Protein backbone atom coordinates (compact mmCIF):
# COMPACT_ATOMS: atom_id res chain seq x y z
CA MET A 1 0.00 0.00 0.00
CA GLN A 2 1.40 3.37 -1.04
CA GLU A 3 2.10 5.78 1.82
CA ARG A 4 0.01 8.94 1.80
CA THR A 5 1.85 12.22 1.34
CA ARG A 6 1.49 14.82 4.09
CA ASN A 7 1.17 18.59 4.01
CA THR A 8 0.93 18.97 7.79
CA ARG A 9 3.46 18.16 10.50
CA LEU A 10 2.76 18.09 14.21
CA LEU A 11 5.37 19.88 16.33
CA ILE A 12 5.51 19.26 20.08
CA ASP A 13 6.76 21.91 22.52
CA GLY A 14 8.98 24.91 22.01
CA PRO A 15 12.37 23.37 21.14
CA GLN A 16 11.02 21.29 18.24
CA THR A 17 8.87 24.16 17.01
CA TYR A 18 11.65 26.75 17.18
CA GLN A 19 14.03 24.42 15.36
CA ALA A 20 11.54 23.99 12.52
CA MET A 21 10.64 27.68 12.32
CA LEU A 22 14.24 28.91 12.38
CA ALA A 23 15.20 26.36 9.71
CA ALA A 24 12.42 27.78 7.51
CA VAL A 25 13.58 31.33 8.26
CA GLU A 26 17.11 30.46 7.14
CA LYS A 27 15.74 29.23 3.80
CA ALA A 28 13.62 32.35 3.18
CA HIS A 29 14.45 34.23 -0.03
CA ASP A 30 11.61 36.78 -0.35
CA HIS A 31 9.72 37.52 2.89
CA ILE A 32 9.09 36.46 6.49
CA HIS A 33 5.84 37.34 8.25
CA ILE A 34 5.38 36.86 11.99
CA GLU A 35 2.21 37.55 13.99
CA THR A 36 2.42 36.66 17.65
CA TYR A 37 0.86 37.52 20.98
CA ILE A 38 4.23 37.50 22.76
CA PHE A 39 7.55 38.41 21.14
CA ALA A 40 9.88 38.50 24.14
CA SER A 41 13.26 40.22 24.33
CA ASP A 42 14.75 37.24 26.17
CA GLU A 43 17.14 34.57 24.92
CA VAL A 44 14.66 32.98 22.50
CA GLY A 45 13.40 36.35 21.26
CA GLN A 46 16.98 37.47 20.66
CA ARG A 47 17.68 34.27 18.76
CA PHE A 48 14.82 35.01 16.41
CA ALA A 49 15.79 38.69 16.16
CA ASP A 50 19.35 37.78 15.13
CA ALA A 51 18.08 35.37 12.47
CA LEU A 52 15.63 37.96 11.13
CA ARG A 53 18.34 40.63 10.96
CA ARG A 54 20.58 38.34 8.92
CA LYS A 55 17.78 37.57 6.48
CA HIS A 56 16.92 41.25 6.13
CA GLN A 57 20.56 41.99 5.31
CA GLU A 58 20.26 39.38 2.55
CA GLY A 59 17.34 41.32 1.06
CA VAL A 60 14.45 39.38 2.60
CA ALA A 61 11.50 41.54 3.70
CA VAL A 62 10.66 40.94 7.38
CA ARG A 63 7.37 42.06 8.94
CA ILE A 64 6.36 41.49 12.58
CA ILE A 65 3.01 42.02 14.35
CA TYR A 66 3.08 41.76 18.12
CA ASP A 67 0.33 42.35 20.68
CA ALA A 68 0.77 45.29 23.04
CA VAL A 69 -0.60 43.43 26.09
CA GLY A 70 1.01 40.08 25.34
CA SER A 71 4.40 41.73 24.79
CA VAL A 72 4.07 44.29 27.57
CA GLY A 73 7.12 42.78 29.27
CA THR A 74 9.31 43.18 26.18
CA ARG A 75 11.80 46.04 26.20
CA ARG A 76 10.58 48.83 23.90
CA ALA A 77 14.16 49.27 22.71
CA PHE A 78 14.06 45.70 21.37
CA PHE A 79 11.41 46.57 18.77
CA ASP A 80 12.96 50.00 18.14
CA GLU A 81 16.28 48.34 17.29
CA LEU A 82 14.59 45.95 14.86
CA ALA A 83 12.80 48.86 13.17
CA ALA A 84 16.00 50.92 12.99
CA GLN A 85 17.64 48.08 11.08
CA GLY A 86 14.88 48.00 8.46
CA ILE A 87 12.59 45.30 9.86
CA GLU A 88 8.95 46.42 9.68
CA VAL A 89 7.18 46.24 13.04
CA ALA A 90 3.51 46.79 13.93
CA GLU A 91 2.03 46.89 17.43
CA PHE A 92 -1.52 45.56 17.79
CA HIS A 93 -3.74 47.97 19.77
CA PRO A 94 -1.09 49.99 21.63
CA LEU A 95 -1.71 50.80 25.27
CA LYS A 96 -2.51 54.49 25.01
CA PRO A 97 -5.52 56.63 25.97
CA SER A 98 -6.78 57.02 22.40
CA SER A 99 -7.19 53.25 22.00
CA ILE A 100 -8.16 52.27 25.54
CA TYR A 101 -11.61 51.21 24.29
CA LYS A 102 -9.87 48.44 22.31
CA ILE A 103 -7.95 47.06 25.28
CA ASN A 104 -10.07 43.92 25.56
CA ASN A 105 -9.53 42.95 21.89
CA ARG A 106 -6.11 41.27 21.73
CA ASP A 107 -4.25 39.57 18.89
CA HIS A 108 -3.71 36.13 20.44
CA ARG A 109 -2.71 34.47 17.15
CA LYS A 110 0.61 32.70 16.61
CA LEU A 111 1.46 32.68 12.91
CA VAL A 112 4.65 32.52 10.86
CA VAL A 113 4.55 32.57 7.06
CA ILE A 114 7.73 32.10 5.01
CA ASP A 115 7.79 33.07 1.31
CA GLY A 116 4.08 32.30 1.08
CA THR A 117 4.90 28.59 0.85
CA VAL A 118 5.17 27.30 4.42
CA ALA A 119 3.38 28.40 7.58
CA PHE A 120 3.34 27.60 11.29
CA THR A 121 0.45 28.12 13.69
CA GLY A 122 -0.57 26.83 17.12
CA GLY A 123 -0.19 27.86 20.74
CA ILE A 124 3.52 28.69 20.96
CA ASN A 125 4.72 32.30 21.35
CA ILE A 126 8.28 33.52 20.81
CA SER A 127 9.55 33.42 24.38
CA SER A 128 12.00 31.55 26.59
CA THR A 129 8.94 30.29 28.49
CA TYR A 130 8.84 27.61 25.79
CA ALA A 131 12.60 27.03 25.61
CA LYS A 132 12.41 23.68 27.43
CA SER A 133 10.51 20.63 26.35
CA SER A 134 7.70 19.41 28.61
CA THR A 135 9.88 16.51 29.76
CA SER A 136 12.62 18.80 31.11
CA ASN A 137 12.27 20.10 34.67
CA PRO A 138 8.63 18.95 34.71
CA GLY A 139 6.02 18.96 37.40
CA PRO A 140 4.02 21.32 39.56
CA GLU A 141 6.97 21.85 41.86
CA ALA A 142 8.63 23.69 38.96
CA GLY A 143 5.45 25.67 38.26
CA VAL A 144 5.54 28.09 35.35
CA LYS A 145 9.30 27.54 35.10
CA SER A 146 8.78 23.96 33.94
CA GLY A 147 8.94 22.99 30.29
CA TRP A 148 5.55 24.02 28.93
CA ARG A 149 3.50 21.40 27.07
CA ASP A 150 2.30 22.95 23.82
CA THR A 151 1.57 22.12 20.18
CA GLN A 152 2.25 23.76 16.82
CA LEU A 153 1.44 22.75 13.25
CA GLU A 154 3.60 23.17 10.15
CA ILE A 155 1.48 23.59 7.02
CA ARG A 156 2.29 23.52 3.31
CA GLY A 157 0.12 23.72 0.20
CA PRO A 158 -2.85 25.97 -0.71
CA ALA A 159 -3.88 26.64 2.90
CA VAL A 160 -0.75 28.79 3.26
CA LYS A 161 -2.36 31.36 0.96
CA GLN A 162 -5.26 31.75 3.39
CA LEU A 163 -2.86 32.15 6.30
CA GLN A 164 -0.92 34.76 4.34
CA GLU A 165 -4.17 36.62 3.62
CA LEU A 166 -4.92 36.73 7.35
CA PHE A 167 -1.55 38.28 8.11
CA VAL A 168 -1.91 40.84 5.31
CA GLN A 169 -5.43 41.71 6.50
CA THR A 170 -4.21 42.46 10.03
CA TRP A 171 -1.13 44.27 8.74
CA THR A 172 -3.14 46.65 6.57
CA ARG A 173 -5.75 47.23 9.30
CA LEU A 174 -2.91 48.47 11.47
CA GLY A 175 -2.20 51.11 8.84
CA LYS A 176 0.91 49.46 7.45
CA PRO A 177 1.24 49.61 3.64
CA LEU A 178 2.61 46.81 1.50
CA ASP A 179 4.70 47.52 -1.59
CA ALA A 180 3.06 47.25 -5.00
CA GLU A 181 4.49 43.81 -5.72
CA THR A 182 2.04 42.00 -3.46
CA GLY A 183 1.84 39.22 -6.05
CA ARG A 184 5.13 37.96 -4.63
CA LEU A 185 3.32 37.22 -1.39
CA TYR A 186 1.08 34.69 -3.16
CA PRO A 187 3.19 32.28 -5.22
CA GLN A 188 1.59 29.42 -7.10
CA LEU A 189 1.08 26.62 -4.59
CA ASP A 190 0.85 23.03 -5.72
CA GLU A 191 -1.12 20.35 -3.94
CA VAL A 192 1.63 18.76 -1.86
CA GLY A 193 -0.27 16.38 0.40
CA GLU A 194 -3.54 14.65 1.09
CA ASP A 195 -4.44 16.29 4.41
CA LEU A 196 -7.47 18.56 4.01
CA VAL A 197 -6.64 21.81 5.83
CA GLN A 198 -9.18 24.48 6.73
CA VAL A 199 -7.95 27.79 8.13
CA VAL A 200 -10.35 28.85 10.90
CA PRO A 201 -9.83 32.39 12.23
CA SER A 202 -11.99 34.32 14.65
CA GLU A 203 -12.01 38.00 15.52
CA GLY A 204 -13.12 40.02 18.50
CA GLY A 205 -13.76 43.73 18.77
CA ASP A 206 -15.62 45.50 15.96
CA GLN A 207 -14.93 42.67 13.49
CA ARG A 208 -16.45 40.06 15.81
CA GLU A 209 -17.03 36.61 14.29
CA PHE A 210 -17.10 33.18 15.93
CA ARG A 211 -15.85 30.71 13.32
CA ILE A 212 -13.72 28.68 15.74
CA TYR A 213 -16.61 28.35 18.18
CA THR A 214 -18.89 27.26 15.33
CA ALA A 215 -16.29 24.70 14.17
CA TYR A 216 -16.10 23.19 17.66
CA LEU A 217 -19.89 22.97 17.90
CA ALA A 218 -20.13 21.25 14.50
CA ALA A 219 -17.38 18.75 15.35
CA ILE A 220 -18.97 17.87 18.71
CA ARG A 221 -22.47 17.54 17.26
CA ASN A 222 -21.26 15.23 14.49
CA ALA A 223 -18.96 13.06 16.62
CA THR A 224 -19.90 9.38 16.65
CA ARG A 225 -17.05 7.67 18.57
CA LYS A 226 -14.71 9.94 20.50
CA ILE A 227 -13.87 13.53 21.36
CA TRP A 228 -10.46 14.07 22.90
CA ILE A 229 -9.60 17.62 23.95
CA GLN A 230 -6.53 19.28 25.49
CA GLN A 231 -7.02 22.81 26.74
CA ALA A 232 -4.91 25.27 28.70
CA TYR A 233 -7.94 27.35 29.73
CA PHE A 234 -11.13 25.30 29.58
CA ALA A 235 -14.29 27.21 30.56
CA PRO A 236 -16.98 26.26 28.01
CA ASN A 237 -20.20 28.25 27.98
CA PRO A 238 -23.55 26.52 28.72
CA GLU A 239 -24.26 25.78 25.04
CA LEU A 240 -20.93 24.05 24.51
CA ARG A 241 -21.23 22.14 27.78
CA GLN A 242 -24.68 20.96 26.75
CA GLU A 243 -23.39 19.71 23.39
CA LEU A 244 -20.64 17.76 25.15
CA ILE A 245 -23.19 16.25 27.54
CA LEU A 246 -25.48 15.29 24.65
CA ALA A 247 -22.54 13.64 22.88
CA ALA A 248 -21.70 11.68 26.04
CA LYS A 249 -25.34 10.52 26.29
CA ARG A 250 -25.21 9.09 22.77
CA GLY A 251 -22.14 7.05 23.73
CA VAL A 252 -19.26 9.22 22.53
CA ASP A 253 -16.02 8.68 24.49
CA ILE A 254 -15.18 12.18 25.76
CA ARG A 255 -11.84 12.79 27.44
CA ILE A 256 -10.57 16.26 28.32
CA ILE A 257 -7.08 17.01 29.63
CA VAL A 258 -6.78 20.26 31.59
CA PRO A 259 -3.88 21.76 33.57
CA GLY A 260 -3.15 20.40 37.02
CA PHE A 261 -1.44 23.72 37.84
CA THR A 262 -1.51 27.06 36.12
CA ASP A 263 0.02 30.46 35.42
CA SER A 264 -3.39 32.14 35.95
CA ARG A 265 -5.29 31.25 39.11
CA PRO A 266 -8.49 33.20 38.23
CA VAL A 267 -8.78 31.36 34.89
CA TYR A 268 -7.88 28.08 36.59
CA TYR A 269 -10.76 28.40 39.06
CA ALA A 270 -13.17 29.72 36.41
CA SER A 271 -12.43 26.55 34.45
CA ARG A 272 -13.03 24.32 37.45
CA ALA A 273 -16.42 25.97 37.95
CA THR A 274 -17.61 24.13 34.81
CA TYR A 275 -16.41 20.63 35.74
CA GLY A 276 -19.29 19.44 37.91
CA GLU A 277 -22.04 18.80 35.34
CA LEU A 278 -19.51 17.37 32.87
CA LEU A 279 -18.30 14.82 35.42
CA GLU A 280 -21.89 13.96 36.36
CA SER A 281 -22.66 13.19 32.69
CA GLY A 282 -19.81 10.64 32.47
CA ILE A 283 -17.26 12.85 30.71
CA SER A 284 -13.70 12.03 31.78
CA LEU A 285 -11.58 14.96 32.97
CA TYR A 286 -7.86 14.64 33.62
CA GLU A 287 -5.40 17.06 35.21
CA HIS A 288 -2.00 17.13 33.54
CA ASN A 289 0.82 17.36 36.08
CA GLU A 290 4.01 16.64 34.15
CA ALA A 291 4.28 20.19 32.81
CA LEU A 292 2.21 23.34 32.49
CA LEU A 293 -0.33 22.45 29.81
CA HIS A 294 -0.69 25.28 27.27
CA ALA A 295 -1.93 23.33 24.22
CA LYS A 296 -5.26 24.13 22.56
CA THR A 297 -6.07 21.03 20.52
CA ALA A 298 -8.77 18.46 19.84
CA VAL A 299 -9.18 15.28 17.81
CA VAL A 300 -12.63 13.92 16.94
CA ASP A 301 -13.28 10.36 15.71
CA GLY A 302 -9.58 10.07 14.84
CA VAL A 303 -10.16 12.09 11.66
CA TRP A 304 -10.93 15.74 12.46
CA SER A 305 -8.20 17.60 14.35
CA THR A 306 -7.68 21.19 15.35
CA VAL A 307 -4.51 22.94 16.54
CA GLY A 308 -4.36 26.62 17.29
CA SER A 309 -4.24 29.59 19.62
CA CYS A 310 -7.88 29.47 20.74
CA ASN A 311 -8.81 28.27 24.21
CA ILE A 312 -12.30 27.01 24.96
CA ASP A 313 -13.29 30.01 27.05
CA PRO A 314 -15.23 33.29 26.63
CA ARG A 315 -12.15 35.48 26.19
CA SER A 316 -10.89 33.45 23.24
CA PHE A 317 -14.26 33.03 21.58
CA VAL A 318 -15.58 36.57 22.11
CA HIS A 319 -12.79 39.09 22.65
CA ASN A 320 -9.56 37.93 21.00
CA ASN A 321 -8.34 37.55 17.45
CA GLU A 322 -7.56 33.82 17.32
CA LEU A 323 -6.40 31.30 14.72
CA ASN A 324 -6.88 27.53 14.49
CA ALA A 325 -6.21 25.07 11.72
CA ALA A 326 -8.78 22.30 11.31
CA VAL A 327 -7.46 19.24 9.49
CA VAL A 328 -9.31 16.23 8.10
CA SER A 329 -6.72 13.48 8.03
CA SER A 330 -6.55 10.03 9.56
CA ASP A 331 -2.74 10.34 9.62
CA LEU A 332 -2.71 13.57 11.59
CA GLY A 333 -5.53 12.18 13.73
CA ARG A 334 -3.34 9.20 14.56
CA ASP A 335 -0.46 11.54 15.47
CA MET A 336 -2.78 13.62 17.65
CA GLU A 337 -4.12 10.57 19.46
CA LYS A 338 -0.60 9.30 20.09
CA VAL A 339 0.35 12.59 21.75
CA PHE A 340 -2.92 12.55 23.70
CA HIS A 341 -2.16 9.07 25.05
CA GLU A 342 1.33 10.17 26.09
CA ASP A 343 -0.06 13.18 27.93
CA LEU A 344 -2.74 11.00 29.50
CA GLU A 345 -0.02 8.88 31.10
CA ASN A 346 1.15 11.99 32.95
CA SER A 347 -2.33 13.10 34.00
CA GLN A 348 -4.55 12.25 36.96
CA ARG A 349 -8.21 11.51 36.35
CA ILE A 350 -10.59 13.65 38.40
CA ASP A 351 -12.74 11.33 40.49
CA PRO A 352 -16.39 12.51 40.39
CA LYS A 353 -17.03 11.45 44.01
CA ALA A 354 -13.90 13.19 45.31
CA TRP A 355 -14.82 16.24 43.25
CA SER A 356 -18.27 16.41 44.82
CA GLU A 357 -16.62 16.39 48.25
CA ARG A 358 -14.00 19.09 47.58
CA PRO A 359 -13.56 21.79 50.27
CA ALA A 360 -15.98 24.71 50.51
CA GLY A 361 -13.11 27.15 50.02
CA GLU A 362 -12.42 25.68 46.59
CA ARG A 363 -16.09 26.00 45.66
CA VAL A 364 -16.13 29.67 46.67
CA LEU A 365 -13.06 30.43 44.53
CA GLU A 366 -14.63 28.60 41.60
CA PHE A 367 -17.94 30.42 41.99
CA MET A 368 -16.34 33.87 42.23
CA SER A 369 -14.00 33.25 39.29
CA GLY A 370 -16.88 31.83 37.27
CA LEU A 371 -18.83 35.08 37.71
CA PHE A 372 -16.05 36.98 35.91
CA SER A 373 -15.09 34.29 33.36
CA TYR A 374 -16.41 36.41 30.46
CA TRP A 375 -13.64 38.95 31.13
CA LEU A 376 -10.75 36.74 32.26
């Protein structure tokens, strides 16, 4: 039997993702586009900055979009130095009085497009937070300093054009012009694999649309065998919870891996506020304790998979600009399930009885955080 060709590649954790992205950067000959929530001025950020400077000196156009809130900890001089050397930089919704009404709409996307032929998207920012793999210095005792567990997707073929269009759309909305030769941004792309890739963006603010939310609802409603989800911030609204419960009632195997420890306690407790009725319906919830879980992925019936920046929570669905890739592929589905099983081995199942008997103090924290989950 002939092996199927692939146009997607699953990348696990920061080190593997950075290696793949920097290798693609080194091969760039026309342009490099980066859109990211966090572009840090730490060791990893400097590594990328040095690579981008070298490519710019070779004549490659480099454009960067970073989010003002996500990158608030980045030295301003870092971006100023990049701009002074000819790299084009755009800040998404700067923190200034004239744009304070936009503060809740953040660009949470993670997107890299090289020469319009290869792209990367998922949950991984450009930051030393992701410098270690999830198997190095793991565990809650290491907290946020542990190797974060995250997922990225490398994509080739026609879907790259759609990802490029998303970058260009945001770039121009920020008032940044592109030179007249925009045709160079969209080279002819051949069909290079058999994975069916759908680019699924969502936008908050004035451009509000909920395509990622709709995609999740459709996948859950049409599931017949299994729904396996990994989420850094899992606080589904009542409609989504109800669809999961209905799927469980019709016999779908639903397993959800959530963080066992967190970098955001309010979001952590807002998530836990939704666990009760899911556990009562027979849905299996697991807390991942090997590393800080930051992945935002799902695989349904071993065929439909999604990898992206979007958490299953109100902030991601309503307020942020997010980006997921949805892929129909039994091969990628098999890869996703393999990773899920590996993470499951390092997770503890939440016992429904023990959950129902948790301390009153925990319930109060969950209730209070749940009240504000729309804004967290």
